[in-house]
Protein backbone atom coordinates (compact mmCIF):
# COMPACT_ATOMS: atom_id res chain seq x y z
CA MET A 1 87.18 50.07 82.25
CA ARG A 2 86.89 51.65 85.71
CA ALA A 3 88.61 48.33 86.89
CA ARG A 4 91.55 48.91 84.56
CA GLY A 5 91.60 52.72 85.45
CA SER A 6 91.66 51.92 89.10
CA SER A 7 94.33 49.35 88.85
CA LEU A 8 96.62 51.34 86.27
CA ALA A 9 96.66 54.08 89.41
CA VAL A 10 97.60 51.75 91.92
CA MET A 11 100.27 50.39 90.11
CA ALA A 12 101.69 54.03 89.20
CA TRP A 13 101.15 54.95 93.26
CA ARG A 14 103.24 51.63 93.13
CA ASN A 15 105.93 52.58 90.92
CA LEU A 16 106.27 55.89 92.88
CA TRP A 17 107.81 54.21 96.01
CA ARG A 18 110.01 52.06 94.29
CA ASN A 19 112.58 54.37 94.89
CA ARG A 20 111.36 56.36 97.83
CA ARG A 21 114.24 59.05 98.24
CA ARG A 22 113.97 60.14 94.95
CA THR A 23 110.06 60.46 95.39
CA LEU A 24 110.39 61.92 98.43
CA LEU A 25 113.24 65.08 97.35
CA THR A 26 110.56 65.30 94.45
CA LEU A 27 107.71 65.79 96.78
CA SER A 28 109.74 68.47 98.85
CA SER A 29 110.92 70.29 95.84
CA ILE A 30 107.22 70.58 94.84
CA ALA A 31 105.83 71.22 98.53
CA PHE A 32 108.60 73.96 99.06
CA GLY A 33 108.04 75.49 95.30
CA VAL A 34 104.10 75.81 96.33
CA PHE A 35 105.07 77.32 99.67
CA LEU A 36 106.95 79.80 98.23
CA ALA A 37 104.64 80.49 95.57
CA VAL A 38 101.95 80.73 98.51
CA LEU A 39 104.34 83.20 100.54
CA PHE A 40 104.83 85.61 97.62
CA THR A 41 101.68 86.08 96.63
CA ALA A 42 100.08 86.29 100.19
CA MET A 43 102.74 88.82 100.60
CA GLN A 44 101.92 90.80 97.69
CA ASP A 45 98.00 90.63 98.06
CA ARG A 46 97.93 91.36 101.62
CA ASN A 47 100.71 94.64 101.57
CA TRP A 48 99.69 96.04 98.34
CA THR A 49 95.71 95.87 99.35
CA ASP A 50 96.79 97.66 102.60
CA MET A 51 98.96 100.47 100.55
CA ILE A 52 96.00 100.83 98.40
CA ASN A 53 93.33 101.07 101.04
CA PHE A 54 95.65 103.71 102.98
CA ALA A 55 96.12 105.72 99.77
CA ALA A 56 92.50 105.80 99.64
CA ARG A 57 91.40 106.48 102.94
CA LEU A 58 94.50 109.44 102.79
CA GLY A 59 92.45 111.16 100.21
CA ALA A 60 90.86 110.83 97.09
CA GLY A 61 88.95 107.21 97.46
CA HIS A 62 89.14 103.81 95.62
CA VAL A 63 87.17 105.54 92.99
CA THR A 64 87.44 109.61 92.28
CA LEU A 65 84.45 111.86 90.90
CA GLN A 66 86.06 114.97 89.99
CA HIS A 67 86.20 117.87 87.08
CA SER A 68 87.02 116.21 84.08
CA ASP A 69 90.02 118.56 83.89
CA TYR A 70 91.38 118.72 87.37
CA LEU A 71 93.54 115.83 87.02
CA GLU A 72 96.12 117.66 84.60
CA ALA A 73 95.33 121.19 86.52
CA PRO A 74 94.56 120.70 89.95
CA THR A 75 93.39 123.96 90.90
CA LEU A 76 90.34 125.36 93.24
CA SER A 77 88.37 126.16 90.10
CA LYS A 78 87.79 122.98 88.95
CA THR A 79 85.06 121.84 91.02
CA VAL A 80 82.05 119.22 90.63
CA GLN A 81 78.88 120.54 91.82
CA GLY A 82 75.53 118.43 93.03
CA VAL A 83 77.18 116.26 95.38
CA ASP A 84 74.86 114.66 97.27
CA ALA A 85 73.29 113.64 93.79
CA LEU A 86 76.58 111.78 92.98
CA LYS A 87 77.44 110.50 96.27
CA GLN A 88 73.70 108.61 95.80
CA LEU A 89 75.20 107.84 92.57
CA ALA A 90 77.65 106.35 93.43
CA ARG A 91 76.10 104.35 96.44
CA ALA A 92 73.98 102.55 94.42
CA GLU A 93 76.88 101.05 92.74
CA PRO A 94 77.06 97.16 93.86
CA GLY A 95 80.72 97.11 95.93
CA VAL A 96 80.55 100.80 96.87
CA ALA A 97 80.77 100.97 100.87
CA ARG A 98 80.72 105.02 101.45
CA ALA A 99 81.02 108.02 99.11
CA VAL A 100 82.01 111.19 100.92
CA GLU A 101 82.86 114.93 99.53
CA ARG A 102 86.19 116.73 99.84
CA VAL A 103 87.59 120.42 98.83
CA VAL A 104 91.40 119.36 98.14
CA GLY A 105 94.04 121.93 97.33
CA GLN A 106 96.83 123.80 98.30
CA MET A 107 97.01 126.88 100.66
CA MET A 108 99.83 129.13 102.58
CA LEU A 109 99.78 128.96 106.24
CA ASN A 110 100.90 132.20 108.22
CA THR A 111 101.74 132.19 111.39
CA ALA A 112 103.51 135.73 113.47
CA ARG A 113 106.68 133.82 113.18
CA GLU A 114 106.35 131.57 110.30
CA SER A 115 104.87 130.92 106.66
CA ARG A 116 104.70 127.49 105.18
CA GLY A 117 102.95 126.26 102.24
CA ALA A 118 100.96 123.11 102.30
CA GLY A 119 98.30 120.67 101.03
CA PHE A 120 94.82 120.31 102.97
CA ILE A 121 91.80 118.90 102.74
CA ALA A 122 88.60 119.82 103.96
CA ILE A 123 86.24 117.22 105.33
CA ASP A 124 82.73 116.75 106.74
CA PRO A 125 83.74 115.29 110.30
CA LEU A 126 79.94 114.40 110.44
CA VAL A 127 80.29 111.81 107.56
CA GLU A 128 83.92 111.10 108.11
CA ASP A 129 86.16 108.72 110.61
CA SER A 130 89.13 106.94 110.27
CA THR A 131 87.83 104.15 108.03
CA THR A 132 87.36 106.65 105.13
CA PHE A 133 90.41 109.09 106.47
CA THR A 134 93.27 107.27 107.80
CA VAL A 135 94.72 110.63 109.48
CA LEU A 136 91.76 110.99 111.94
CA GLY A 137 93.18 108.02 113.81
CA ALA A 138 96.54 109.63 114.09
CA VAL A 139 95.83 112.29 116.03
CA VAL A 140 98.36 112.59 118.81
CA ARG A 141 97.02 116.05 120.14
CA GLY A 142 93.96 117.88 120.03
CA ALA A 143 90.82 116.20 119.17
CA PRO A 144 88.63 115.72 115.42
CA PHE A 145 86.81 118.62 114.52
CA THR A 146 83.05 118.63 116.08
CA THR A 147 81.16 120.41 113.09
CA SER A 148 81.69 121.02 109.52
CA ARG A 149 82.00 124.99 110.69
CA ASP A 150 84.56 124.31 113.17
CA LYS A 151 87.25 126.98 113.46
CA GLY A 152 90.16 124.81 114.19
CA ILE A 153 92.99 123.56 111.87
CA ILE A 154 94.53 120.17 112.33
CA LEU A 155 98.82 119.94 111.54
CA GLY A 156 101.01 117.11 110.63
CA GLU A 157 103.09 117.18 113.18
CA ARG A 158 106.37 118.27 111.50
CA LEU A 159 104.48 121.07 110.30
CA ALA A 160 103.32 122.29 113.32
CA ALA A 161 107.20 122.14 114.29
CA ASN A 162 108.14 124.35 111.27
CA LEU A 163 105.63 126.59 111.81
CA ASP A 164 106.55 127.02 115.67
CA VAL A 165 102.68 126.42 116.95
CA GLY A 166 101.05 124.96 119.39
CA MET A 167 97.62 124.16 120.67
CA GLY A 168 95.35 126.71 120.18
CA ASP A 169 97.49 129.17 118.27
CA LYS A 170 96.29 131.14 115.59
CA ILE A 171 97.05 130.42 112.06
CA VAL A 172 95.90 132.63 108.89
CA TYR A 173 95.63 130.30 105.71
CA THR A 174 95.39 131.70 102.44
CA MET A 175 94.63 130.37 98.83
CA THR A 176 93.09 131.51 95.55
CA ASP A 177 89.62 130.96 94.99
CA ARG A 178 87.90 130.47 91.84
CA THR A 179 88.23 133.81 90.41
CA GLY A 180 91.98 133.90 90.80
CA GLU A 181 91.24 136.27 93.91
CA ILE A 182 93.70 135.61 96.84
CA VAL A 183 91.18 134.67 99.93
CA SER A 184 92.29 133.89 103.45
CA GLY A 185 90.71 132.46 106.59
CA LEU A 186 91.41 132.40 110.60
CA ALA A 187 91.95 129.17 112.49
CA ARG A 188 93.24 128.04 115.76
CA VAL A 189 95.23 124.97 116.24
CA SER A 190 93.12 122.29 117.61
CA GLY A 191 94.88 119.09 116.47
CA ILE A 192 98.67 117.59 115.58
CA VAL A 193 98.44 114.05 113.83
CA ARG A 194 101.67 111.86 113.11
CA THR A 195 101.11 109.06 110.15
CA GLY A 196 104.90 108.57 109.98
CA ALA A 197 105.06 109.38 106.39
CA PRO A 198 107.19 112.48 106.30
CA SER A 199 105.63 114.35 103.54
CA VAL A 200 102.09 113.68 105.25
CA ASP A 201 103.26 115.15 108.58
CA GLY A 202 105.20 117.80 106.95
CA GLY A 203 103.25 119.18 104.47
CA LEU A 204 99.39 118.55 104.98
CA CYS A 205 96.98 119.80 107.30
CA LEU A 206 92.90 119.60 108.04
CA LEU A 207 89.80 121.61 107.77
CA PRO A 208 86.08 121.34 108.00
CA ILE A 209 84.40 121.58 104.80
CA ASP A 210 81.91 124.17 105.11
CA ALA A 211 84.21 126.52 106.97
CA VAL A 212 86.26 126.29 103.72
CA ARG A 213 83.38 126.31 101.25
CA GLU A 214 82.62 129.77 103.00
CA VAL A 215 85.69 131.12 102.35
CA LEU A 216 86.24 130.16 98.82
CA GLY A 217 82.35 131.12 98.04
CA TYR A 218 81.38 127.37 96.98
CA ALA A 219 77.51 126.60 97.22
CA ALA A 220 76.80 123.92 99.83
CA ASP A 221 76.78 121.28 97.65
CA GLU A 222 79.93 122.04 95.74
CA ALA A 223 83.46 120.30 96.23
CA THR A 224 86.85 119.39 93.93
CA GLN A 225 85.81 115.52 94.37
CA VAL A 226 83.86 112.72 95.69
CA ALA A 227 85.93 110.10 96.95
CA VAL A 228 84.31 106.71 96.77
CA PHE A 229 85.22 103.58 98.34
CA VAL A 230 85.00 99.77 97.72
CA ARG A 231 84.81 96.81 99.49
CA ASP A 232 87.22 95.12 97.23
CA GLN A 233 89.92 97.43 95.55
CA ARG A 234 90.18 95.07 92.88
CA HIS A 235 86.74 96.36 91.72
CA ALA A 236 87.52 100.05 91.44
CA ASP A 237 88.34 99.76 87.52
CA ARG A 238 84.29 98.28 87.13
CA ILE A 239 82.98 100.59 89.53
CA ALA A 240 84.80 103.45 87.66
CA SER A 241 83.88 102.57 84.22
CA GLN A 242 79.82 102.03 85.13
CA LEU A 243 80.14 105.69 86.71
CA ASN A 244 81.69 107.30 83.81
CA VAL A 245 78.49 106.10 82.07
CA GLU A 246 76.20 107.25 84.60
CA VAL A 247 77.82 111.06 85.17
CA ARG A 248 77.19 114.31 83.94
CA PRO A 249 79.39 115.62 81.24
CA GLY A 250 81.73 117.31 82.82
CA VAL A 251 82.92 114.75 85.60
CA VAL A 252 84.72 111.96 85.15
CA ALA A 253 85.63 108.83 87.39
CA LEU A 254 88.84 108.05 88.52
CA PRO A 255 90.20 104.52 89.88
CA TRP A 256 93.22 105.08 92.29
CA HIS A 257 95.97 104.15 89.97
CA GLU A 258 95.24 107.15 87.46
CA ILE A 259 95.31 109.25 90.76
CA GLN A 260 97.90 107.44 92.38
CA ARG A 261 100.20 106.56 89.01
CA GLU A 262 103.31 106.80 91.27
CA LEU A 263 101.84 104.05 93.83
CA ALA A 264 100.32 102.17 90.86
CA ALA A 265 103.81 102.00 89.42
CA PHE A 266 105.87 100.91 92.20
CA ILE A 267 103.26 98.04 92.73
CA ALA A 268 103.44 96.98 89.23
CA ILE A 269 107.27 96.97 89.55
CA LYS A 270 107.31 95.19 92.54
CA VAL A 271 104.75 92.32 91.42
CA GLY A 272 106.16 92.08 87.76
CA GLY A 273 109.58 90.89 89.74
CA ALA A 274 107.76 88.09 92.06
CA ARG A 275 105.87 86.75 89.28
CA PHE A 276 109.33 86.53 87.60
CA MET A 277 110.65 84.48 90.69
CA GLU A 278 107.30 82.50 90.63
CA ALA A 279 107.83 81.62 87.22
CA LEU A 280 111.57 80.54 87.92
CA ILE A 281 110.62 78.57 90.69
CA ALA A 282 108.04 76.75 88.77
CA VAL A 283 110.47 76.01 86.15
CA LEU A 284 112.93 74.85 88.72
CA VAL A 285 110.13 72.39 90.49
CA ALA A 286 109.22 71.27 87.16
CA ALA A 287 112.44 70.61 85.97
CA GLY A 288 113.40 68.63 89.00
CA ILE A 289 109.88 66.34 88.28
CA PHE A 290 110.97 66.01 84.90
CA ASN A 291 114.22 64.60 85.95
CA THR A 292 112.66 62.38 88.61
CA LEU A 293 110.14 60.80 85.86
CA PHE A 294 112.50 60.77 83.05
CA VAL A 295 115.28 58.79 84.79
CA SER A 296 112.52 56.47 86.39
CA VAL A 297 111.57 55.60 82.66
CA MET A 298 114.89 55.32 81.66
CA GLU A 299 115.83 52.89 84.44
CA ARG A 300 112.41 50.63 83.39
CA GLN A 301 113.33 50.33 79.80
CA ARG A 302 113.65 46.56 80.07
CA GLU A 303 110.36 46.40 82.17
CA PHE A 304 108.49 48.46 79.70
CA GLY A 305 109.39 46.20 76.84
CA ILE A 306 108.53 42.97 78.79
CA MET A 307 104.77 44.95 79.31
CA MET A 308 104.74 45.57 75.86
CA ALA A 309 105.47 41.80 74.60
CA ILE A 310 102.99 40.82 76.82
CA GLY A 311 100.12 42.93 75.41
CA TRP A 312 100.58 46.43 76.98
CA SER A 313 99.76 49.32 74.19
CA PRO A 314 101.91 52.25 73.98
CA GLY A 315 98.87 54.62 75.37
CA ARG A 316 98.65 52.44 78.39
CA LEU A 317 101.98 52.86 79.33
CA PHE A 318 101.48 56.17 78.50
CA ARG A 319 98.95 56.77 80.89
CA LEU A 320 100.96 54.97 83.52
CA VAL A 321 103.67 57.36 83.57
CA VAL A 322 101.46 60.23 83.33
CA LEU A 323 99.37 58.63 86.11
CA GLU A 324 102.78 58.71 88.51
CA SER A 325 103.24 62.24 87.63
CA ALA A 326 99.61 62.82 88.98
CA TRP A 327 100.30 61.45 92.04
CA LEU A 328 103.27 63.32 92.60
CA GLY A 329 101.62 66.68 92.01
CA VAL A 330 98.71 65.64 94.40
CA LEU A 331 101.16 64.42 97.10
CA GLY A 332 103.09 67.49 96.57
CA LEU A 333 99.97 70.00 97.31
CA LEU A 334 99.22 67.59 100.31
CA GLY A 335 102.63 68.49 101.03
CA ALA A 336 102.62 72.03 100.46
CA VAL A 337 99.58 72.38 102.67
CA LEU A 338 101.00 71.19 105.72
CA VAL A 339 104.24 72.88 105.02
CA THR A 340 102.36 76.45 104.62
CA VAL A 341 99.80 76.28 107.00
CA VAL A 342 101.53 77.03 110.22
CA PRO A 343 103.88 79.68 109.04
CA TYR A 344 100.87 81.00 106.95
CA TRP A 345 98.88 81.58 109.99
CA TYR A 346 101.44 83.31 112.10
CA LEU A 347 101.95 86.02 109.26
CA ALA A 348 98.27 86.68 108.47
CA THR A 349 97.27 86.96 112.34
CA LYS A 350 100.65 88.09 114.31
CA GLY A 351 103.09 89.05 111.61
CA ILE A 352 106.61 90.15 111.92
CA ASP A 353 107.08 93.84 113.28
CA VAL A 354 109.72 95.36 110.84
CA SER A 355 109.37 98.93 112.29
CA GLY A 356 113.02 98.65 114.22
CA LEU A 357 114.69 98.72 110.56
CA MET A 358 112.92 101.66 109.28
CA GLY A 359 113.75 104.02 112.05
CA GLU A 360 112.25 106.94 113.38
CA ASN A 361 110.11 107.29 110.39
CA THR A 362 108.48 104.82 107.94
CA ALA A 363 109.33 104.27 104.17
CA GLU A 364 107.02 105.83 101.71
CA VAL A 365 105.79 105.71 98.21
CA SER A 366 104.04 108.81 96.97
CA GLY A 367 102.83 109.87 100.43
CA ILE A 368 101.99 106.45 101.58
CA ALA A 369 103.74 104.91 104.67
CA MET A 370 105.39 101.34 103.86
CA PRO A 371 103.26 98.71 106.48
CA THR A 372 105.55 98.61 109.42
CA THR A 373 104.40 94.75 110.34
CA PHE A 374 104.79 92.20 107.72
CA ARG A 375 101.47 90.38 107.12
CA VAL A 376 100.03 87.90 104.44
CA GLY A 377 96.84 87.38 103.41
CA ILE A 378 95.91 85.44 99.58
CA PHE A 379 93.31 85.93 97.71
CA PRO A 380 91.06 82.63 96.93
CA ALA A 381 91.84 82.92 93.47
CA HIS A 382 95.17 83.24 93.57
CA ALA A 383 95.29 80.30 95.42
CA VAL A 384 93.44 78.39 93.55
CA PHE A 385 95.24 79.71 90.39
CA ILE A 386 98.90 78.21 92.38
CA ALA A 387 97.24 74.73 93.29
CA VAL A 388 95.96 74.58 89.39
CA ALA A 389 99.29 75.55 88.02
CA ALA A 390 101.50 73.24 90.02
CA LEU A 391 99.20 70.50 89.21
CA VAL A 392 99.61 71.36 85.77
CA ALA A 393 102.88 71.74 85.90
CA THR A 394 103.52 68.51 87.17
CA LEU A 395 101.76 66.89 84.49
CA LEU A 396 102.98 68.57 81.93
CA ALA A 397 106.64 67.97 82.97
CA GLY A 398 105.62 64.23 83.05
CA LEU A 399 104.16 63.99 79.26
CA TYR A 400 107.70 63.76 77.36
CA PRO A 401 108.81 61.19 80.22
CA ALA A 402 105.41 59.34 79.35
CA TRP A 403 105.75 59.61 75.85
CA LYS A 404 108.97 58.05 75.65
CA ALA A 405 107.76 55.15 78.02
CA GLY A 406 105.45 54.42 75.15
CA ARG A 407 107.96 54.40 72.61
CA VAL A 408 110.33 51.47 73.48
CA ASP A 409 111.26 48.51 71.32
CA PRO A 410 110.11 45.47 73.04
CA VAL A 411 112.75 43.58 71.03
CA GLU A 412 115.83 45.70 71.74
CA THR A 413 114.63 46.75 75.45
CA ILE A 414 114.51 43.13 76.76
CA LYS A 415 117.99 42.78 75.88
CA LEU A 416 118.94 45.24 78.48
CA VAL A 417 120.08 43.61 81.84
């Protein structure tokens, strides 16, 4: 049986090259289709992961622990207490890299000349850096805070220009505390940040967390949120679900897509469009394979009739044509690897800088700047799925021609010239 199967595979291989041009065109279509599928998927895997990670590092983490009513009514009276215990609980989850507390809200900034509303994020500079808070890596003037009770304030570049302030200038900030009272604090401009996202540079300021706690009357272990950072953003839902089982009543764990709904909707639309294009490419490639095999079968009707007349069974003819389609799939995948490896390596390591096309400010979605360098990076599971899907599509495209081959009438087809 093994020898018979081996000889059938050899025969299928030889049949492919009886019409070399047609086979090469079919292999080219498979290779090019897989190449496009890999690039489409790798572009999304890398760019959307980068945007999700950037969004997480901009404020709320991949998973956010906060008051159960904060999402619907984000006020400074909706806080969580015992943040040290919550951070410890989060860090115990597999896949969690960091967990930090923050105070997030809205305030008015007042100078001798101007007043502006802005969002603020209060952080602990002793436990945070640019890996948990991207803005800290975008300081273009001054320096980040040195302690959690620092008297400084860091402003977005456009916000500083709107307030007409420079380094060292005084700013009075006012906000509403937990009881509804207006409270205020005094700070000096200690840094300017430039992220490239207009809404961030024009509407965000940073403060040291304990200085804000003192103004608001918060306890030392009280904050509006605990930002949890995971090693792989695809695990955010699992980690959020597990934390919701473990946290105390009144606290909820939300994955990034529930916090950043606009960003999640944008990514979902783009992913859906790319999936449609990939499906269209797959259909076109499968149609090409089907055409190749079907025409080949129709051209060999007399040959198949003779083979059946000398003892070949319909099942064996069926397997022969299926093996031909299998060879096409395997060779097409090998060709795809050869075609894809160099451009993929270049786009993954060097990328294409598109900042010149975006002008002075980068495009943004929900306050998240779009990447200015086009890079790719596919998840291994997606690469395996594409390879398997291409092979399965090739085999499916060969089923009808194979069935047709096994249905020939030896008496009628032998008469064909």
